[in-house]
């Protein structure tokens, strides 16, 4: 299956692009994709757990299976002051 991954802020900097299409095996969950990305981008692996994720613009927990054509975004932490 194919999903589109959107990268925002520090995740975009780490990935070096704002988005990409990924080919994934059927049954891949939101948390599985995060693990794949964490192995590929060392900056992602610094997080003790998966950040909030949105699938098709709706927040979803890690156990949710992805479907062909989904759009996935992990929301990086933000600092303000």
Foldseek 3Di string as FASTA:
>chain_A
DKEKEAEDDVRCVQVVHGIDIDDDDFFQWQQNVLVVVCVVGVVSVVDPGFAFKDKQNHTDDRNHTDDPYIYMYGDDDDDDD
